[in-house]
Amino acid sequence: MVTIAKPNPELNEKLTVNIAIVGGGRACNFFLTILQADTLPFLKVNLVGVCDIDPKAEGLLTAKKMGIFTTSDFRDFFSIDNLDSILELTNRRQVLLELIRLRPKRVGILEHNIGRFLRNYFQMNQQLKSAEHRAVLAKMVSDFIIQHSNAAIAVINTDFTIAQANEAYLKTVKRPRSEVIGRYCYQVYYNQNAPCASSQQALKCPMLETLKTGRTAHVIHERGASTGHATYENIVTYPLKDEFGEVTHVIEIWRDITADLTTRWEKQARNLRNDLQRMVQEDRMISLGKLAASCVHEINNPIQGLLTYAELMRKMTTEEKPDDDNWKQLNGYLNIVSDELVRCGNIVAGLLSFSREASRGYVDLDLNDVLKAVTALTRHKMELQNILLKLELVQEIMMVRGDTNQLQQAMLNLIFNAIEAMPTGGELAITTRADASAGQVVIEVQDTGTGILEKDLDHIYDPFFTTKAPGEGTGLGLSIVYGIIKNHGGQVKVKSAVDTGTVFSLRLPLV
């Protein structure tokens, strides 16, 4: 078991219950009067909404004046965060059944007989003046709310024995009331012989914290991790004090927050994936700028040739009538022009395809095709920098499941790093092979560049870490490579020696 403890200074001094009312008539009006009187010393009731189909219902009008949310459709309440219960005050069976059928599991339903209870309470509150009677009345209300709360609630004596527990608590511990009342809380819930904080598992005990400080305490406990079905409970303890300020009892409230935490983790995972996708696309735009200059030069050469051939063909067709030899020569020129135009078109198409953000999602793809597309875009840049490219791809199809955009960007970042490590020229070898025993494809990108210092090897994947001069790099290239390969279920390894070169080895699972 693991305990996650964190401070919660915003907890109120009273036990707080969030309630909405269906039925805005007289009973609702009585309840609003009770709330305004604030006669409950240990209980704070937050009325978060009132529903009635009659816009002139007296309770509904009072709620509007108090700034409380009002509606004519009780289903609007289901979207209210932290709603504990709904009071049904219409005295109509059909409404009660609809509430029970449609309510979220986290929300309890208190049926219309509460109206009689509220009216009796209102009358008694006007009659009882002594502090003793008011205490009895407050206890009656507290007991009522505790028993009807959807949260697991127990009232615990200062010796850790349970004095009272509601049905939700009994369901949580999976024990009958006879096996709960009078027994120690740590025995009932954890089957331990001592308070949680003194056990070998060292769980933080909010009960002990409240007894020591006289203040509210809050922890999160993990249970069942050893079985593979961990659940997480949010536990809040609240002290009940006598007139001298001494703690006489502690109210303990349990809520299962496993689903909430799972939802948060899934949302955080989605955000991280989205962030990586955005970073990859932004990095692609940076890479596109690097490619554009060399591609412009690569396109410029065939264009100059096209202009020359076009002028020759114009002269041949206008100055004299072409003979058979001229037509053969013209046909040869046209073939050259066609090939050069196709070449230019392929370069432009490659750049456009590379700049476009593809639809997200993993598909089965041939890793060799990814490498061919990337090297086609960077080949001319290598030639300009006097770098010899050795591309040795296995003949077999290397099928992996992944995102083409992301894998292209990972390969491109490794190639750019290698090019920048060989400013005066060198050799870049890109190879693929299958590791059948591991069910993986291995890609190696090896350069003969300046290498990486040993002290920097542990940091090369850190975001924004760079050994380049300011303005020459973002420090995100290798961290993006690492994130992409890990997301594809692969591994990244590096070997490097100063003034000798660097080799990156990537492994991805084969389909």
Protein backbone atom coordinates (compact mmCIF):
# COMPACT_ATOMS: atom_id res chain seq x y z
CA MET A 1 0.00 0.00 0.00
CA VAL A 2 1.07 3.53 -0.74
CA THR A 3 -0.17 6.69 0.93
CA ILE A 4 -0.31 9.96 -0.93
CA ALA A 5 -0.67 12.78 1.56
CA LYS A 6 -1.11 16.41 0.65
CA PRO A 7 -2.23 19.50 2.55
CA ASN A 8 -5.69 20.88 1.91
CA PRO A 9 -5.93 24.32 3.58
CA GLU A 10 -9.22 25.04 1.84
CA LEU A 11 -11.18 22.46 3.86
CA ASN A 12 -13.93 24.19 5.83
CA GLU A 13 -14.36 23.98 9.58
CA LYS A 14 -17.72 22.26 9.04
CA LEU A 15 -18.63 19.01 7.33
CA THR A 16 -19.86 20.18 3.91
CA VAL A 17 -22.67 18.53 1.92
CA ASN A 18 -23.74 19.75 -1.54
CA ILE A 19 -27.48 19.32 -2.15
CA ALA A 20 -29.92 20.22 -4.94
CA ILE A 21 -33.74 20.33 -4.55
CA VAL A 22 -36.40 19.13 -6.97
CA GLY A 23 -39.65 20.87 -6.01
CA GLY A 24 -39.56 24.58 -5.25
CA GLY A 25 -42.67 24.83 -3.05
CA ARG A 26 -43.19 25.51 0.67
CA ALA A 27 -40.93 22.70 1.90
CA CYS A 28 -38.14 24.12 -0.22
CA ASN A 29 -38.83 27.57 1.22
CA PHE A 30 -38.58 26.15 4.78
CA PHE A 31 -35.24 24.59 3.93
CA LEU A 32 -33.92 27.91 2.61
CA THR A 33 -35.03 29.55 5.87
CA ILE A 34 -33.04 26.93 7.81
CA LEU A 35 -29.95 27.63 5.74
CA GLN A 36 -30.24 31.36 6.34
CA ALA A 37 -30.59 30.78 10.11
CA ASP A 38 -27.30 28.75 10.09
CA THR A 39 -28.32 26.70 13.13
CA LEU A 40 -26.15 23.65 12.36
CA PRO A 41 -22.86 23.99 14.29
CA PHE A 42 -21.09 21.02 12.72
CA LEU A 43 -22.68 20.88 9.31
CA LYS A 44 -22.54 23.15 6.29
CA VAL A 45 -25.19 22.52 3.63
CA ASN A 46 -24.44 24.04 0.23
CA LEU A 47 -27.66 24.37 -1.74
CA VAL A 48 -26.39 24.30 -5.32
CA GLY A 49 -29.70 24.35 -7.21
CA VAL A 50 -33.51 24.37 -7.10
CA CYS A 51 -35.77 22.88 -9.79
CA ASP A 52 -39.49 23.46 -10.37
CA ILE A 53 -41.67 23.57 -13.48
CA ASP A 54 -43.68 26.41 -11.92
CA PRO A 55 -41.68 29.63 -12.34
CA LYS A 56 -43.76 31.26 -9.55
CA ALA A 57 -43.13 28.58 -6.90
CA GLU A 58 -42.25 30.36 -3.63
CA GLY A 59 -39.11 28.32 -2.96
CA LEU A 60 -37.88 28.83 -6.51
CA LEU A 61 -38.38 32.59 -6.25
CA THR A 62 -36.58 32.70 -2.88
CA ALA A 63 -33.67 30.71 -4.33
CA LYS A 64 -33.38 33.19 -7.21
CA LYS A 65 -33.21 36.08 -4.75
CA MET A 66 -30.44 34.25 -2.87
CA GLY A 67 -28.45 33.82 -6.10
CA ILE A 68 -28.92 30.03 -6.17
CA PHE A 69 -29.03 28.27 -9.53
CA THR A 70 -32.61 27.51 -10.66
CA THR A 71 -33.98 25.41 -13.50
CA SER A 72 -37.11 23.70 -14.78
CA ASP A 73 -35.27 20.46 -15.71
CA PHE A 74 -33.67 18.46 -12.90
CA ARG A 75 -31.26 16.83 -15.36
CA ASP A 76 -29.32 20.11 -15.36
CA PHE A 77 -28.16 19.15 -11.84
CA PHE A 78 -26.27 16.10 -13.12
CA SER A 79 -23.52 18.29 -14.58
CA ILE A 80 -22.84 20.06 -11.26
CA ASP A 81 -19.44 19.07 -9.84
CA ASN A 82 -19.28 17.54 -6.32
CA LEU A 83 -23.08 17.15 -6.05
CA ASP A 84 -23.77 14.74 -3.16
CA SER A 85 -27.56 14.36 -3.04
CA ILE A 86 -30.85 15.53 -4.52
CA LEU A 87 -33.90 16.16 -2.30
CA GLU A 88 -37.17 15.19 -3.99
CA LEU A 89 -39.89 17.48 -2.55
CA THR A 90 -42.60 17.27 -5.24
CA ASN A 91 -44.36 14.32 -3.50
CA ARG A 92 -44.80 12.79 -6.97
CA ARG A 93 -43.81 9.15 -7.41
CA GLN A 94 -43.11 9.54 -11.14
CA VAL A 95 -40.56 12.29 -10.48
CA LEU A 96 -38.89 10.18 -7.79
CA LEU A 97 -38.62 7.17 -10.13
CA GLU A 98 -37.16 9.36 -12.92
CA LEU A 99 -34.58 10.76 -10.53
CA ILE A 100 -33.54 7.29 -9.38
CA ARG A 101 -33.34 6.03 -12.96
CA LEU A 102 -31.39 8.93 -14.46
CA ARG A 103 -29.10 10.04 -11.60
CA PRO A 104 -25.31 9.53 -11.81
CA LYS A 105 -24.02 6.82 -9.46
CA ARG A 106 -22.19 9.38 -7.34
CA VAL A 107 -25.43 11.25 -6.46
CA GLY A 108 -27.80 10.07 -3.72
CA ILE A 109 -31.59 10.62 -3.84
CA LEU A 110 -33.55 11.70 -0.75
CA GLU A 111 -37.27 11.04 -1.33
CA HIS A 112 -40.21 13.36 -0.65
CA ASN A 113 -40.75 12.38 3.01
CA ILE A 114 -37.89 14.74 3.74
CA GLY A 115 -40.49 17.48 3.30
CA ARG A 116 -42.29 16.39 6.48
CA PHE A 117 -38.93 16.18 8.22
CA LEU A 118 -38.03 19.72 7.16
CA ARG A 119 -41.36 21.14 8.26
CA ASN A 120 -41.07 19.42 11.65
CA TYR A 121 -37.53 20.64 11.97
CA PHE A 122 -38.54 24.21 11.15
CA GLN A 123 -41.31 24.18 13.77
CA MET A 124 -39.08 22.62 16.41
CA ASN A 125 -36.32 25.08 15.69
CA GLN A 126 -38.69 27.95 16.41
CA GLN A 127 -39.75 26.38 19.73
CA LEU A 128 -36.49 24.99 21.14
CA LYS A 129 -34.35 27.68 22.72
CA SER A 130 -32.06 25.88 25.11
CA ALA A 131 -28.56 24.92 23.99
CA GLU A 132 -29.21 21.30 24.94
CA HIS A 133 -32.25 21.02 22.68
CA ARG A 134 -30.47 22.75 19.85
CA ALA A 135 -27.60 20.27 20.16
CA VAL A 136 -30.07 17.37 20.00
CA LEU A 137 -31.69 18.94 16.95
CA ALA A 138 -28.34 19.50 15.23
CA LYS A 139 -27.39 15.88 15.91
CA MET A 140 -30.66 14.71 14.38
CA VAL A 141 -29.97 16.66 11.20
CA SER A 142 -26.33 15.54 11.08
CA ASP A 143 -27.33 11.90 11.54
CA PHE A 144 -29.93 12.24 8.82
CA ILE A 145 -27.47 13.74 6.32
CA ILE A 146 -24.74 11.23 7.22
CA GLN A 147 -27.05 8.25 6.74
CA HIS A 148 -28.27 9.51 3.36
CA SER A 149 -24.91 10.62 2.02
CA ASN A 150 -23.41 8.79 -0.92
CA ALA A 151 -19.95 9.05 0.70
CA ALA A 152 -18.76 6.47 3.25
CA ILE A 153 -18.95 8.24 6.65
CA ALA A 154 -18.07 7.01 10.13
CA VAL A 155 -18.08 8.77 13.51
CA ILE A 156 -15.06 7.54 15.48
CA ASN A 157 -14.32 7.85 19.21
CA THR A 158 -10.96 9.18 20.35
CA ASP A 159 -9.87 5.59 21.17
CA PHE A 160 -10.34 4.67 17.48
CA THR A 161 -13.55 2.71 18.04
CA ILE A 162 -16.37 3.34 15.58
CA ALA A 163 -19.41 4.96 17.18
CA GLN A 164 -21.54 5.34 14.07
CA ALA A 165 -21.36 4.43 10.38
CA ASN A 166 -23.68 4.98 7.44
CA GLU A 167 -24.76 2.41 4.86
CA ALA A 168 -22.18 3.59 2.33
CA TYR A 169 -19.42 2.92 4.86
CA LEU A 170 -20.76 -0.58 5.58
CA LYS A 171 -20.78 -1.33 1.86
CA THR A 172 -17.23 -0.04 1.53
CA VAL A 173 -15.85 -2.27 4.29
CA LYS A 174 -18.19 -5.15 3.27
CA ARG A 175 -19.25 -5.85 6.84
CA PRO A 176 -22.60 -5.81 8.69
CA ARG A 177 -23.22 -3.07 11.24
CA SER A 178 -22.78 -5.54 14.12
CA GLU A 179 -19.15 -6.14 13.04
CA VAL A 180 -18.39 -2.43 12.67
CA ILE A 181 -19.86 -0.49 15.61
CA GLY A 182 -17.57 -0.66 18.66
CA ARG A 183 -14.59 -2.08 16.77
CA TYR A 184 -11.38 -0.24 15.95
CA CYS A 185 -11.38 1.54 12.60
CA TYR A 186 -8.01 0.11 11.60
CA GLN A 187 -9.31 -3.42 12.29
CA VAL A 188 -12.48 -2.93 10.29
CA TYR A 189 -10.91 -1.42 7.21
CA TYR A 190 -7.31 -2.69 7.11
CA ASN A 191 -7.41 -5.82 9.32
CA GLN A 192 -4.55 -4.40 11.37
CA ASN A 193 -3.89 -4.54 15.08
CA ALA A 194 -2.60 -0.97 15.44
CA PRO A 195 -3.34 2.47 13.96
CA CYS A 196 -2.21 2.88 10.37
CA ALA A 197 0.74 5.20 11.08
CA SER A 198 2.30 2.68 13.49
CA SER A 199 2.02 -0.28 11.11
CA GLN A 200 4.80 -1.66 8.93
CA GLN A 201 3.04 -0.26 5.90
CA ALA A 202 3.45 3.27 7.34
CA LEU A 203 0.14 4.64 6.09
CA LYS A 204 -0.44 8.24 7.05
CA CYS A 205 -3.40 8.31 9.45
CA PRO A 206 -5.64 11.39 9.19
CA MET A 207 -7.39 10.34 12.43
CA LEU A 208 -4.12 10.70 14.38
CA GLU A 209 -3.41 14.02 12.69
CA THR A 210 -6.82 15.39 13.71
CA LEU A 211 -6.42 14.17 17.32
CA LYS A 212 -3.00 15.83 17.54
CA THR A 213 -3.87 19.16 15.93
CA GLY A 214 -7.62 19.45 16.47
CA ARG A 215 -7.90 20.35 12.79
CA THR A 216 -9.17 18.74 9.62
CA ALA A 217 -6.78 16.29 7.93
CA HIS A 218 -6.72 14.83 4.44
CA VAL A 219 -4.88 11.91 2.77
CA ILE A 220 -5.20 9.59 -0.22
CA HIS A 221 -4.70 5.86 0.40
CA GLU A 222 -3.94 3.23 -2.21
CA ARG A 223 -5.35 -0.24 -1.60
CA GLY A 224 -5.00 -3.53 -3.42
CA ALA A 225 -1.88 -2.62 -5.44
CA SER A 226 -0.38 -6.06 -4.69
CA THR A 227 -3.34 -7.78 -6.39
CA GLY A 228 -3.11 -5.65 -9.51
CA HIS A 229 -6.47 -3.97 -8.88
CA ALA A 230 -5.47 -0.83 -7.00
CA THR A 231 -8.14 1.56 -5.76
CA TYR A 232 -7.64 5.03 -4.34
CA GLU A 233 -9.64 6.54 -1.49
CA ASN A 234 -9.75 10.19 -0.56
CA ILE A 235 -10.05 10.36 3.27
CA VAL A 236 -11.01 13.50 5.18
CA THR A 237 -11.31 13.70 8.97
CA TYR A 238 -13.15 16.43 10.84
CA PRO A 239 -12.99 16.99 14.65
CA LEU A 240 -16.14 17.29 16.80
CA LYS A 241 -15.34 19.35 19.91
CA ASP A 242 -17.04 20.01 23.24
CA GLU A 243 -17.62 23.42 24.80
CA PHE A 244 -14.03 23.44 26.10
CA GLY A 245 -12.56 22.88 22.63
CA GLU A 246 -11.53 19.28 23.32
CA VAL A 247 -11.98 16.73 20.53
CA THR A 248 -14.65 14.20 21.53
CA HIS A 249 -15.23 12.45 18.20
CA VAL A 250 -13.84 12.47 14.69
CA ILE A 251 -15.95 12.26 11.54
CA GLU A 252 -14.16 10.29 8.83
CA ILE A 253 -15.34 10.57 5.21
CA TRP A 254 -14.21 8.16 2.49
CA ARG A 255 -14.61 8.68 -1.23
CA ASP A 256 -13.45 6.29 -3.95
CA ILE A 257 -11.58 8.53 -6.41
CA THR A 258 -10.11 5.74 -8.58
CA ALA A 259 -12.24 6.71 -11.57
CA ASP A 260 -11.39 10.40 -11.13
CA LEU A 261 -7.65 9.70 -10.98
CA THR A 262 -7.87 7.37 -13.98
CA THR A 263 -9.67 10.07 -15.95
CA ARG A 264 -7.03 12.63 -14.98
CA TRP A 265 -4.18 10.30 -15.92
CA GLU A 266 -5.79 9.53 -19.27
CA LYS A 267 -6.32 13.24 -19.91
CA GLN A 268 -2.71 13.99 -18.98
CA ALA A 269 -1.52 11.19 -21.29
CA ARG A 270 -3.63 12.63 -24.13
CA ASN A 271 -2.19 16.08 -23.49
CA LEU A 272 1.36 14.71 -23.56
CA ARG A 273 0.67 12.90 -26.83
CA ASN A 274 -0.85 16.07 -28.29
CA ASP A 275 2.13 18.11 -27.09
CA LEU A 276 4.53 15.67 -28.75
CA GLN A 277 2.52 15.79 -31.97
CA ARG A 278 2.62 19.59 -31.93
CA MET A 279 6.37 19.64 -31.20
CA VAL A 280 6.99 17.20 -34.05
CA GLN A 281 5.05 19.37 -36.48
CA GLU A 282 6.83 22.53 -35.33
CA ASP A 283 10.17 20.76 -35.63
CA ARG A 284 9.18 19.68 -39.14
CA MET A 285 8.71 23.32 -40.08
CA ILE A 286 12.21 24.10 -38.80
CA SER A 287 13.57 21.14 -40.77
CA LEU A 288 11.66 22.30 -43.84
CA GLY A 289 13.50 25.62 -43.67
CA LYS A 290 16.82 23.75 -43.62
CA LEU A 291 15.78 21.64 -46.60
CA ALA A 292 14.40 24.52 -48.65
CA ALA A 293 17.77 26.16 -49.37
CA SER A 294 19.42 23.00 -50.70
CA CYS A 295 16.30 22.01 -52.65
CA VAL A 296 16.20 25.45 -54.31
CA HIS A 297 19.75 24.86 -55.56
CA GLU A 298 18.84 21.36 -56.67
CA ILE A 299 15.87 22.66 -58.67
CA ASN A 300 17.80 25.62 -60.10
CA ASN A 301 20.27 23.41 -62.05
CA PRO A 302 17.64 21.51 -64.10
CA ILE A 303 15.73 24.75 -64.68
CA GLN A 304 18.81 26.30 -66.30
CA GLY A 305 19.12 23.22 -68.49
CA LEU A 306 15.43 23.39 -69.41
CA LEU A 307 15.84 27.00 -70.53
CA THR A 308 18.81 26.01 -72.73
CA TYR A 309 16.95 23.10 -74.37
CA ALA A 310 13.83 25.21 -74.84
CA GLU A 311 15.85 27.87 -76.70
CA LEU A 312 17.49 25.23 -78.92
CA MET A 313 14.12 23.68 -79.80
CA ARG A 314 12.65 27.10 -80.56
CA LYS A 315 15.45 27.88 -83.00
CA MET A 316 15.20 24.47 -84.67
CA THR A 317 11.47 24.86 -85.31
CA THR A 318 11.46 28.49 -86.45
CA GLU A 319 14.64 29.11 -88.50
CA GLU A 320 14.23 26.22 -90.95
CA LYS A 321 12.03 23.29 -91.64
CA PRO A 322 13.25 20.41 -89.46
CA ASP A 323 14.49 17.27 -91.27
CA ASP A 324 14.48 13.73 -89.88
CA ASP A 325 17.71 14.25 -87.95
CA ASN A 326 16.31 17.43 -86.45
CA TRP A 327 13.17 15.59 -85.34
CA LYS A 328 15.25 12.87 -83.69
CA GLN A 329 17.30 15.56 -81.95
CA LEU A 330 14.11 17.37 -80.86
CA ASN A 331 12.70 14.11 -79.51
CA GLY A 332 15.86 13.58 -77.47
CA TYR A 333 15.64 17.11 -76.08
CA LEU A 334 11.99 16.55 -75.15
CA ASN A 335 12.87 13.36 -73.26
CA ILE A 336 15.53 15.25 -71.30
CA VAL A 337 13.08 18.08 -70.58
CA SER A 338 10.43 15.60 -69.44
CA ASP A 339 12.86 13.79 -67.10
CA GLU A 340 14.08 17.05 -65.58
CA LEU A 341 10.52 18.31 -65.07
CA VAL A 342 9.58 15.05 -63.32
CA ARG A 343 12.65 15.44 -61.13
CA CYS A 344 11.69 18.99 -60.18
CA GLY A 345 8.11 17.92 -59.58
CA ASN A 346 9.25 15.13 -57.26
CA ILE A 347 11.38 17.53 -55.23
CA VAL A 348 8.52 20.00 -54.82
CA ALA A 349 6.02 17.22 -54.08
CA GLY A 350 8.38 15.84 -51.44
CA LEU A 351 8.67 19.22 -49.76
CA LEU A 352 4.90 19.79 -49.84
CA SER A 353 4.22 16.33 -48.47
CA PHE A 354 6.77 16.82 -45.75
CA SER A 355 5.31 20.18 -44.67
CA ARG A 356 1.75 18.84 -44.48
CA GLU A 357 0.52 17.52 -41.12
CA ALA A 358 -0.82 14.03 -41.77
CA SER A 359 -3.81 12.58 -39.94
CA ARG A 360 -2.88 11.31 -36.51
CA GLY A 361 -2.90 7.60 -35.88
CA TYR A 362 -0.67 4.58 -36.29
CA VAL A 363 -0.76 2.45 -39.44
CA ASP A 364 1.29 -0.43 -40.82
CA LEU A 365 4.12 1.00 -42.92
CA ASP A 366 7.41 -0.03 -44.51
CA LEU A 367 10.27 1.58 -42.62
CA ASN A 368 12.46 1.39 -45.73
CA ASP A 369 10.01 3.71 -47.52
CA VAL A 370 10.31 6.22 -44.67
CA LEU A 371 14.11 6.19 -44.94
CA LYS A 372 14.05 6.52 -48.74
CA ALA A 373 11.75 9.55 -48.54
CA VAL A 374 13.92 11.29 -45.95
CA THR A 375 17.23 10.62 -47.73
CA ALA A 376 15.73 11.81 -51.03
CA LEU A 377 15.07 15.19 -49.40
CA THR A 378 18.50 15.45 -47.77
CA ARG A 379 20.74 13.89 -50.45
CA HIS A 380 21.51 17.18 -52.20
CA LYS A 381 22.30 18.89 -48.88
CA MET A 382 24.84 16.16 -48.19
CA GLU A 383 26.36 16.57 -51.66
CA LEU A 384 26.76 20.31 -51.13
CA GLN A 385 28.60 19.58 -47.87
CA ASN A 386 30.80 16.87 -49.42
CA ILE A 387 29.21 14.04 -47.42
CA LEU A 388 29.06 10.58 -48.93
CA LEU A 389 25.78 8.78 -48.22
CA LYS A 390 25.80 4.99 -47.88
CA LEU A 391 22.23 3.73 -47.79
CA GLU A 392 22.12 -0.01 -47.13
CA LEU A 393 18.54 -1.19 -46.64
CA VAL A 394 17.54 -4.84 -46.39
CA GLN A 395 15.62 -6.18 -49.35
CA GLU A 396 12.77 -7.51 -47.22
CA ILE A 397 9.84 -5.27 -46.32
CA MET A 398 10.37 -3.90 -42.79
CA MET A 399 6.76 -3.46 -41.62
CA VAL A 400 6.25 -1.54 -38.38
CA ARG A 401 3.17 0.09 -36.90
CA GLY A 402 3.59 3.82 -36.51
CA ASP A 403 3.00 7.39 -37.57
CA THR A 404 4.75 8.23 -40.87
CA ASN A 405 5.14 11.92 -39.99
CA GLN A 406 6.73 11.21 -36.63
CA LEU A 407 9.11 8.52 -37.88
CA GLN A 408 10.19 10.75 -40.79
CA GLN A 409 10.94 13.55 -38.35
CA ALA A 410 12.94 11.26 -36.05
CA MET A 411 15.09 10.06 -38.97
CA LEU A 412 15.47 13.60 -40.33
CA ASN A 413 16.67 14.93 -36.96
CA LEU A 414 19.32 12.19 -36.75
CA ILE A 415 20.50 12.95 -40.32
CA PHE A 416 20.66 16.71 -39.66
CA ASN A 417 22.67 16.08 -36.48
CA ALA A 418 25.08 13.91 -38.47
CA ILE A 419 25.43 16.53 -41.23
CA GLU A 420 26.13 19.28 -38.69
CA ALA A 421 28.73 17.04 -37.01
CA MET A 422 30.65 16.84 -40.35
CA PRO A 423 31.07 20.51 -41.42
CA THR A 424 34.05 19.67 -43.66
CA GLY A 425 32.62 16.48 -45.14
CA GLY A 426 32.63 12.84 -44.21
CA GLU A 427 30.60 9.69 -44.54
CA LEU A 428 27.06 8.94 -43.39
CA ALA A 429 25.92 5.31 -43.33
CA ILE A 430 22.24 4.42 -42.83
CA THR A 431 21.47 0.71 -42.54
CA THR A 432 18.51 -1.47 -41.63
CA ARG A 433 18.38 -5.09 -40.57
CA ALA A 434 15.92 -7.46 -38.97
CA ASP A 435 16.50 -8.99 -35.54
CA ALA A 436 14.22 -12.01 -35.87
CA SER A 437 14.92 -13.34 -32.38
CA ALA A 438 13.72 -10.07 -30.81
CA GLY A 439 11.01 -9.42 -33.40
CA GLN A 440 12.51 -6.01 -34.13
CA VAL A 441 13.91 -3.94 -36.96
CA VAL A 442 17.23 -2.20 -36.26
CA ILE A 443 18.12 1.14 -37.86
CA GLU A 444 21.65 2.51 -37.51
CA VAL A 445 22.69 6.06 -38.40
CA GLN A 446 26.48 6.35 -38.28
CA ASP A 447 28.61 9.40 -39.07
CA THR A 448 32.34 10.18 -39.08
CA GLY A 449 31.89 13.54 -37.39
CA THR A 450 33.20 15.30 -34.31
CA GLY A 451 31.49 12.95 -31.84
CA ILE A 452 29.90 13.67 -28.46
CA LEU A 453 31.79 14.33 -25.23
CA GLU A 454 31.32 11.57 -22.64
CA LYS A 455 30.03 14.07 -20.06
CA ASP A 456 27.25 15.13 -22.48
CA LEU A 457 26.02 11.63 -23.36
CA ASP A 458 23.72 11.44 -20.33
CA HIS A 459 22.01 14.71 -21.30
CA ILE A 460 21.58 14.54 -25.07
CA TYR A 461 17.90 13.55 -24.76
CA ASP A 462 17.10 16.30 -22.25
CA PRO A 463 14.80 18.96 -23.73
CA PHE A 464 16.62 22.18 -24.67
CA PHE A 465 20.04 20.66 -24.01
CA THR A 466 22.44 21.66 -26.79
CA THR A 467 26.17 22.10 -27.25
CA LYS A 468 25.66 24.40 -30.24
CA ALA A 469 26.19 28.14 -30.16
CA PRO A 470 23.19 30.31 -29.24
CA GLY A 471 20.75 30.61 -32.13
CA GLU A 472 22.07 27.51 -33.92
CA GLY A 473 19.79 24.93 -32.31
CA THR A 474 16.73 24.49 -30.09
CA GLY A 475 17.98 21.48 -28.15
CA LEU A 476 14.77 19.59 -28.94
CA GLY A 477 15.95 17.41 -31.83
CA LEU A 478 17.15 14.35 -29.90
CA SER A 479 14.47 14.66 -27.19
CA ILE A 480 11.87 14.50 -29.99
CA VAL A 481 13.64 11.46 -31.46
CA TYR A 482 13.62 9.76 -28.06
CA GLY A 483 9.93 10.55 -27.44
CA ILE A 484 8.85 9.32 -30.89
CA ILE A 485 10.74 6.03 -30.68
CA LYS A 486 9.53 5.36 -27.13
CA ASN A 487 5.93 6.06 -28.19
CA HIS A 488 6.38 3.47 -30.93
CA GLY A 489 7.49 0.87 -28.39
CA GLY A 490 11.14 1.09 -29.37
CA GLN A 491 14.54 1.84 -27.86
CA VAL A 492 17.31 4.33 -28.65
CA LYS A 493 21.00 3.71 -28.00
CA VAL A 494 24.05 5.79 -28.85
CA LYS A 495 27.80 5.21 -29.06
CA SER A 496 30.20 8.04 -29.70
CA ALA A 497 33.87 8.90 -29.63
CA VAL A 498 35.31 12.38 -29.96
CA ASP A 499 36.84 13.07 -33.41
CA THR A 500 35.78 9.59 -34.56
CA GLY A 501 32.01 9.72 -34.97
CA THR A 502 28.66 8.74 -33.56
CA VAL A 503 26.27 5.88 -34.20
CA PHE A 504 22.61 5.95 -33.17
CA SER A 505 20.90 2.56 -33.01
CA LEU A 506 17.10 2.47 -33.07
CA ARG A 507 14.96 -0.60 -32.49
CA LEU A 508 11.26 -0.82 -33.39
CA PRO A 509 8.93 -3.82 -33.08
CA LEU A 510 8.13 -5.53 -36.36
CA VAL A 511 4.51 -6.14 -37.31
